[in-house]
Amino acid sequence: MTTRAAVVLLFAVVAMRSPASEPVLAGAVDFHCHTGPDTGPRSMNSLAAVRQLHAAGVRAVVLKHHFMPTSALAQLAREEVGGIEVFGGVVLNRAAGGINAEAVRRMAQVTGKRGRVVWLPTFDAEHQVRIGQEIRPAVAVVRDGRPVPEMADVFQAIAENDLVLATGHSAPEESLVLLEAARRAGLRRLLVTHALTPRWRVNGAQMRTMAALGAVLELIWHNHMPRPPPAPGRPPAAAPMPIAVAVDAIRAVGAEHFLISSDLGQAGSPPHADGLRAFAAALRAGGLDDREIDLVLRKNPARLLGLD
């Protein structure tokens, strides 16, 4: 490990052990929180997660389930906890009918209007199924270099409700096609889901093009956080991505085009607030200044959600 990497890791570990009231999270937004109940094990339920984030000073959180809409859950959490904005959305996997505009419209109509994000397919994305060499049905978003016809109705539903379109687990080349089409359809809120995740990692030229189209690029702590020791008899997890990769991307494209989120909630993972705090600390230790941290942690995600 290099000296720089060791220093960054030390800052991250210290941040994860710091008190929940640490001011670094005041006004922050976590745009990517997995919580229970879900179709698989999660580290905590939605109310517990929202309470912890609120106690840490977080301004807003977006709850995400891969197979269930979360707009009703977000409204319930906001009523029960209070003092924090809670949003949800829908992922257009097969459980939602795939590229299904009616699922988008109904999600947006749930009491409280907390449904704000439409993620394109994740686990059922054609790209993910293909690179995983799986033999099962998948949901296509692009055919022959153009969005599938059903995307036109989804774009319309998103535009009608002023929602966020997130690219899900689409390939970078697919995301570019979709973002260009979304702009032509009048969409204003565009998000590239975890842009540095290895299986759908966006390169520098693609990042700059996406930013020019008005998209915000999401970076997640799950890519960078220290990995726990493997269980007996299990292979070690892949090494975390050096934080310098995220710092270099932000510096190359501009902090105004990024947001950071935890993407935590997996069984055994740290609390969402701890991960978000550690991410901000690691980025600062890696060289970002207070203005850049403020943009990626607070201002950009708040703007995308229509809070500012």
Protein backbone atom coordinates (compact mmCIF):
# COMPACT_ATOMS: atom_id res chain seq x y z
CA MET A 1 0.00 0.00 0.00
CA THR A 2 1.32 3.46 -0.89
CA THR A 3 1.73 6.15 1.76
CA ARG A 4 -1.06 8.19 0.19
CA ALA A 5 -3.43 5.23 0.15
CA ALA A 6 -2.63 4.43 3.78
CA VAL A 7 -3.38 8.00 4.87
CA VAL A 8 -6.68 8.01 2.98
CA LEU A 9 -7.69 4.68 4.51
CA LEU A 10 -6.82 5.96 8.00
CA PHE A 11 -9.03 9.01 7.50
CA ALA A 12 -11.89 6.77 6.34
CA VAL A 13 -11.60 4.46 9.34
CA VAL A 14 -11.48 7.39 11.79
CA ALA A 15 -14.51 8.93 10.10
CA MET A 16 -16.53 5.72 10.43
CA ARG A 17 -15.78 5.67 14.18
CA SER A 18 -16.64 9.31 14.76
CA PRO A 19 -19.85 10.36 16.55
CA ALA A 20 -23.08 10.40 14.57
CA SER A 21 -23.36 14.15 15.21
CA GLU A 22 -20.17 14.84 13.23
CA PRO A 23 -20.89 18.15 11.41
CA VAL A 24 -19.60 16.84 8.08
CA LEU A 25 -23.04 15.32 7.36
CA ALA A 26 -25.09 18.41 8.20
CA GLY A 27 -27.25 19.06 5.14
CA ALA A 28 -25.97 15.99 3.28
CA VAL A 29 -28.05 13.81 0.94
CA ASP A 30 -27.70 10.04 0.59
CA PHE A 31 -29.13 9.26 -2.84
CA HIS A 32 -28.71 5.48 -2.69
CA CYS A 33 -29.83 3.56 0.41
CA HIS A 34 -30.84 -0.09 0.44
CA THR A 35 -33.04 -0.98 3.42
CA GLY A 36 -35.37 -3.69 4.65
CA PRO A 37 -37.83 -5.22 4.41
CA ASP A 38 -36.56 -6.36 1.02
CA THR A 39 -36.40 -9.51 -1.08
CA GLY A 40 -33.03 -10.33 0.48
CA PRO A 41 -31.25 -9.63 3.78
CA ARG A 42 -30.48 -6.02 4.64
CA SER A 43 -28.45 -4.49 7.44
CA MET A 44 -31.41 -2.57 8.91
CA ASN A 45 -35.00 -1.68 8.17
CA SER A 46 -36.04 1.54 6.52
CA LEU A 47 -37.21 3.34 9.66
CA ALA A 48 -33.98 2.54 11.51
CA ALA A 49 -31.91 3.77 8.59
CA VAL A 50 -33.85 7.03 8.28
CA ARG A 51 -33.63 7.63 12.04
CA GLN A 52 -29.85 7.13 12.00
CA LEU A 53 -29.40 9.42 9.01
CA HIS A 54 -31.57 12.08 10.62
CA ALA A 55 -29.55 11.85 13.87
CA ALA A 56 -26.38 12.37 11.82
CA GLY A 57 -27.73 15.63 10.36
CA VAL A 58 -28.53 14.29 6.90
CA ARG A 59 -31.03 16.44 5.02
CA ALA A 60 -32.52 13.88 2.63
CA VAL A 61 -32.35 10.20 1.74
CA VAL A 62 -33.51 8.13 -1.24
CA LEU A 63 -34.67 4.58 -0.44
CA LYS A 64 -34.04 2.00 -3.17
CA HIS A 65 -35.32 -1.54 -3.61
CA HIS A 66 -34.47 -3.43 -6.79
CA PHE A 67 -37.84 -5.15 -7.06
CA MET A 68 -40.38 -3.00 -5.19
CA PRO A 69 -41.39 0.67 -5.55
CA THR A 70 -40.41 2.70 -2.48
CA SER A 71 -42.56 5.84 -2.75
CA ALA A 72 -45.09 4.58 -0.17
CA LEU A 73 -42.28 3.44 2.14
CA ALA A 74 -40.65 6.86 1.83
CA GLN A 75 -43.88 8.63 2.79
CA LEU A 76 -44.33 6.37 5.80
CA ALA A 77 -40.74 6.93 6.95
CA ARG A 78 -41.09 10.68 6.58
CA GLU A 79 -44.28 10.66 8.68
CA GLU A 80 -42.77 8.43 11.38
CA VAL A 81 -39.36 10.09 11.69
CA GLY A 82 -39.87 13.72 10.67
CA GLY A 83 -37.20 16.35 10.24
CA ILE A 84 -35.66 14.68 7.20
CA GLU A 85 -36.75 14.48 3.58
CA VAL A 86 -37.33 10.89 2.46
CA PHE A 87 -37.80 9.93 -1.17
CA GLY A 88 -38.28 6.73 -3.11
CA GLY A 89 -38.73 5.52 -6.64
CA VAL A 90 -39.09 2.50 -8.88
CA VAL A 91 -36.56 0.27 -10.62
CA LEU A 92 -37.76 -0.95 -14.03
CA ASN A 93 -36.75 -4.55 -13.52
CA ARG A 94 -39.02 -7.42 -14.56
CA ALA A 95 -40.97 -7.15 -11.29
CA ALA A 96 -42.18 -3.70 -12.40
CA GLY A 97 -43.04 -4.96 -15.88
CA GLY A 98 -39.73 -3.90 -17.39
CA ILE A 99 -39.84 -0.67 -19.40
CA ASN A 100 -43.29 0.15 -18.10
CA ALA A 101 -44.57 3.73 -18.09
CA GLU A 102 -47.65 2.78 -16.04
CA ALA A 103 -45.39 1.65 -13.18
CA VAL A 104 -43.73 5.06 -13.29
CA ARG A 105 -47.00 6.99 -13.26
CA ARG A 106 -48.48 4.97 -10.37
CA MET A 107 -45.29 5.29 -8.35
CA ALA A 108 -45.41 9.07 -8.78
CA GLN A 109 -49.07 9.24 -7.69
CA VAL A 110 -48.62 7.64 -4.26
CA THR A 111 -49.77 9.85 -1.37
CA GLY A 112 -47.17 12.43 -0.41
CA LYS A 113 -45.51 12.48 -3.86
CA ARG A 114 -42.30 11.04 -2.40
CA GLY A 115 -41.54 9.02 -5.52
CA ARG A 116 -38.80 10.96 -7.31
CA VAL A 117 -36.43 8.51 -9.05
CA VAL A 118 -36.87 6.10 -11.95
CA TRP A 119 -33.97 3.69 -12.24
CA LEU A 120 -33.61 1.79 -15.48
CA PRO A 121 -33.12 -1.98 -15.02
CA THR A 122 -30.50 -3.10 -12.52
CA PHE A 123 -30.30 -6.85 -11.79
CA ASP A 124 -32.47 -7.60 -14.85
CA ALA A 125 -30.60 -5.24 -17.17
CA GLU A 126 -29.61 -6.92 -20.41
CA HIS A 127 -26.06 -5.67 -19.90
CA GLN A 128 -25.76 -7.22 -16.44
CA VAL A 129 -27.25 -10.53 -17.53
CA ARG A 130 -24.91 -10.67 -20.52
CA ILE A 131 -21.67 -9.88 -18.69
CA GLY A 132 -22.66 -12.29 -15.92
CA GLN A 133 -23.13 -14.98 -18.57
CA GLU A 134 -26.52 -15.79 -17.11
CA ILE A 135 -29.25 -17.62 -18.98
CA ARG A 136 -32.47 -15.90 -17.94
CA PRO A 137 -34.86 -13.22 -19.21
CA ALA A 138 -33.49 -9.68 -19.30
CA VAL A 139 -34.82 -6.19 -19.92
CA ALA A 140 -33.39 -4.35 -22.91
CA VAL A 141 -33.13 -0.55 -22.98
CA VAL A 142 -31.34 -0.05 -26.32
CA ARG A 143 -31.67 -1.87 -29.64
CA ASP A 144 -29.59 -1.14 -32.73
CA GLY A 145 -28.23 2.04 -31.20
CA ARG A 146 -31.63 3.48 -30.28
CA PRO A 147 -33.80 3.32 -27.15
CA VAL A 148 -36.36 0.53 -27.29
CA PRO A 149 -39.79 1.91 -28.34
CA GLU A 150 -41.23 1.57 -24.81
CA MET A 151 -38.74 4.15 -23.57
CA ALA A 152 -40.66 6.94 -25.27
CA ASP A 153 -43.65 6.46 -22.93
CA VAL A 154 -41.34 6.17 -19.92
CA PHE A 155 -39.63 9.43 -20.88
CA GLN A 156 -43.05 11.08 -21.15
CA ALA A 157 -44.13 9.81 -17.72
CA ILE A 158 -40.89 11.05 -16.17
CA ALA A 159 -41.22 14.46 -17.84
CA GLU A 160 -44.88 14.82 -16.79
CA ASN A 161 -43.93 14.30 -13.14
CA ASP A 162 -40.51 16.03 -13.22
CA LEU A 163 -38.76 12.89 -11.97
CA VAL A 164 -35.11 11.81 -12.01
CA LEU A 165 -34.05 9.32 -14.68
CA ALA A 166 -31.20 7.10 -13.44
CA THR A 167 -29.34 4.79 -15.81
CA GLY A 168 -29.33 1.70 -13.57
CA HIS A 169 -26.99 -1.06 -14.68
CA SER A 170 -26.94 -0.05 -18.33
CA ALA A 171 -23.69 -0.25 -20.26
CA PRO A 172 -21.95 3.14 -20.64
CA GLU A 173 -22.65 3.11 -24.38
CA GLU A 174 -26.33 2.45 -23.68
CA SER A 175 -26.42 5.21 -21.09
CA LEU A 176 -25.10 7.72 -23.62
CA VAL A 177 -27.84 6.79 -26.10
CA LEU A 178 -30.48 7.06 -23.38
CA LEU A 179 -29.26 10.36 -21.99
CA GLU A 180 -29.23 11.95 -25.43
CA ALA A 181 -32.76 10.72 -26.10
CA ALA A 182 -33.92 11.84 -22.66
CA ARG A 183 -32.66 15.36 -23.29
CA ARG A 184 -34.51 15.47 -26.60
CA ALA A 185 -37.64 14.34 -24.77
CA GLY A 186 -37.34 17.27 -22.36
CA LEU A 187 -36.06 15.50 -19.24
CA ARG A 188 -34.17 17.82 -16.88
CA ARG A 189 -33.01 15.52 -14.08
CA LEU A 190 -30.53 12.87 -15.20
CA LEU A 191 -28.31 10.61 -13.09
CA VAL A 192 -25.63 8.11 -14.13
CA THR A 193 -25.91 5.35 -11.53
CA HIS A 194 -22.61 4.49 -9.75
CA ALA A 195 -20.48 5.55 -12.68
CA LEU A 196 -17.24 3.90 -11.50
CA THR A 197 -18.59 0.45 -10.58
CA PRO A 198 -16.34 -1.95 -12.51
CA ARG A 199 -18.99 -3.87 -14.47
CA TRP A 200 -20.40 -0.70 -16.05
CA ARG A 201 -17.57 1.75 -15.45
CA VAL A 202 -17.72 4.97 -17.44
CA ASN A 203 -14.45 6.22 -18.92
CA GLY A 204 -13.24 9.81 -18.86
CA ALA A 205 -14.43 10.76 -22.34
CA GLN A 206 -17.86 9.28 -21.65
CA MET A 207 -18.07 11.16 -18.34
CA ARG A 208 -17.38 14.45 -20.05
CA THR A 209 -20.05 13.75 -22.68
CA MET A 210 -22.59 12.78 -20.02
CA ALA A 211 -21.83 15.92 -18.04
CA ALA A 212 -22.25 18.00 -21.20
CA LEU A 213 -25.71 16.44 -21.59
CA GLY A 214 -26.58 17.72 -18.12
CA ALA A 215 -26.27 14.42 -16.27
CA VAL A 216 -24.98 14.09 -12.72
CA LEU A 217 -22.58 11.19 -12.16
CA GLU A 218 -23.00 9.15 -8.98
CA LEU A 219 -20.02 7.79 -7.03
CA ILE A 220 -20.63 5.26 -4.25
CA TRP A 221 -18.75 4.46 -1.05
CA HIS A 222 -19.47 0.75 -1.57
CA ASN A 223 -16.76 0.73 -4.26
CA HIS A 224 -14.10 2.17 -1.94
CA MET A 225 -14.84 1.01 1.60
CA PRO A 226 -12.46 -1.37 3.42
CA ARG A 227 -13.50 -5.00 3.03
CA PRO A 228 -14.03 -7.21 6.10
CA PRO A 229 -11.98 -10.42 6.42
CA PRO A 230 -13.59 -13.32 4.52
CA ALA A 231 -15.52 -15.98 6.38
CA PRO A 232 -13.69 -19.27 6.89
CA GLY A 233 -13.52 -21.20 3.65
CA ARG A 234 -14.66 -18.25 1.55
CA PRO A 235 -12.50 -16.42 -1.00
CA PRO A 236 -11.47 -12.83 -0.13
CA ALA A 237 -13.57 -10.01 -1.53
CA ALA A 238 -12.24 -7.91 -4.36
CA ALA A 239 -9.92 -5.14 -3.21
CA PRO A 240 -11.59 -1.76 -2.75
CA MET A 241 -11.15 0.77 -5.51
CA PRO A 242 -8.52 3.40 -4.56
CA ILE A 243 -10.16 6.67 -3.55
CA ALA A 244 -7.77 8.41 -5.94
CA VAL A 245 -9.88 7.06 -8.82
CA ALA A 246 -12.89 9.02 -7.56
CA VAL A 247 -10.83 12.13 -6.79
CA ASP A 248 -9.25 12.07 -10.25
CA ALA A 249 -12.66 11.72 -11.94
CA ILE A 250 -14.11 14.63 -10.00
CA ARG A 251 -11.11 16.81 -10.73
CA ALA A 252 -11.11 15.91 -14.46
CA VAL A 253 -14.80 16.58 -15.10
CA GLY A 254 -15.66 19.06 -12.34
CA ALA A 255 -17.29 18.63 -8.94
CA GLU A 256 -20.45 20.33 -10.20
CA HIS A 257 -21.20 17.15 -12.21
CA PHE A 258 -21.00 14.57 -9.37
CA LEU A 259 -22.79 13.38 -6.27
CA ILE A 260 -21.66 10.83 -3.70
CA SER A 261 -23.84 8.27 -1.94
CA SER A 262 -23.37 5.25 0.28
CA ASP A 263 -25.08 2.43 -1.68
CA LEU A 264 -25.03 0.58 1.64
CA GLY A 265 -27.57 -1.63 3.36
CA GLN A 266 -26.13 -5.01 2.41
CA ALA A 267 -26.19 -7.53 5.29
CA GLY A 268 -23.17 -6.87 7.47
CA SER A 269 -22.34 -3.50 5.92
CA PRO A 270 -21.73 -0.36 8.02
CA PRO A 271 -24.61 2.06 8.71
CA HIS A 272 -25.39 4.37 5.80
CA ALA A 273 -24.39 7.51 7.74
CA ASP A 274 -21.03 6.01 8.67
CA GLY A 275 -20.32 5.16 5.05
CA LEU A 276 -21.30 8.59 3.78
CA ARG A 277 -19.19 10.26 6.46
CA ALA A 278 -16.21 8.05 5.63
CA PHE A 279 -16.58 8.80 1.91
CA ALA A 280 -16.50 12.56 2.49
CA ALA A 281 -13.49 12.23 4.78
CA ALA A 282 -11.62 10.04 2.31
CA LEU A 283 -12.27 12.47 -0.56
CA ARG A 284 -11.02 15.35 1.57
CA ALA A 285 -7.91 13.38 2.53
CA GLY A 286 -7.47 12.59 -1.15
CA GLY A 287 -7.31 16.27 -2.05
CA LEU A 288 -10.82 17.66 -2.57
CA ASP A 289 -11.49 21.02 -0.94
CA ASP A 290 -14.51 22.11 1.11
CA ARG A 291 -16.27 23.64 -1.91
CA GLU A 292 -15.99 20.40 -3.88
CA ILE A 293 -17.15 18.31 -0.91
CA ASP A 294 -20.14 20.62 -0.45
CA LEU A 295 -21.12 20.19 -4.09
CA VAL A 296 -20.94 16.40 -4.24
CA LEU A 297 -22.32 15.75 -0.74
CA ARG A 298 -25.03 18.41 -0.49
CA LYS A 299 -25.77 20.81 -3.32
CA ASN A 300 -25.79 18.56 -6.38
CA PRO A 301 -28.01 15.79 -4.96
CA ALA A 302 -30.35 18.37 -3.41
CA ARG A 303 -30.68 20.12 -6.75
CA LEU A 304 -31.38 16.83 -8.52
CA LEU A 305 -34.21 16.09 -6.06
CA GLY A 306 -35.69 19.56 -6.49
CA LEU A 307 -34.83 20.67 -2.95
CA ASP A 308 -32.86 23.75 -4.07
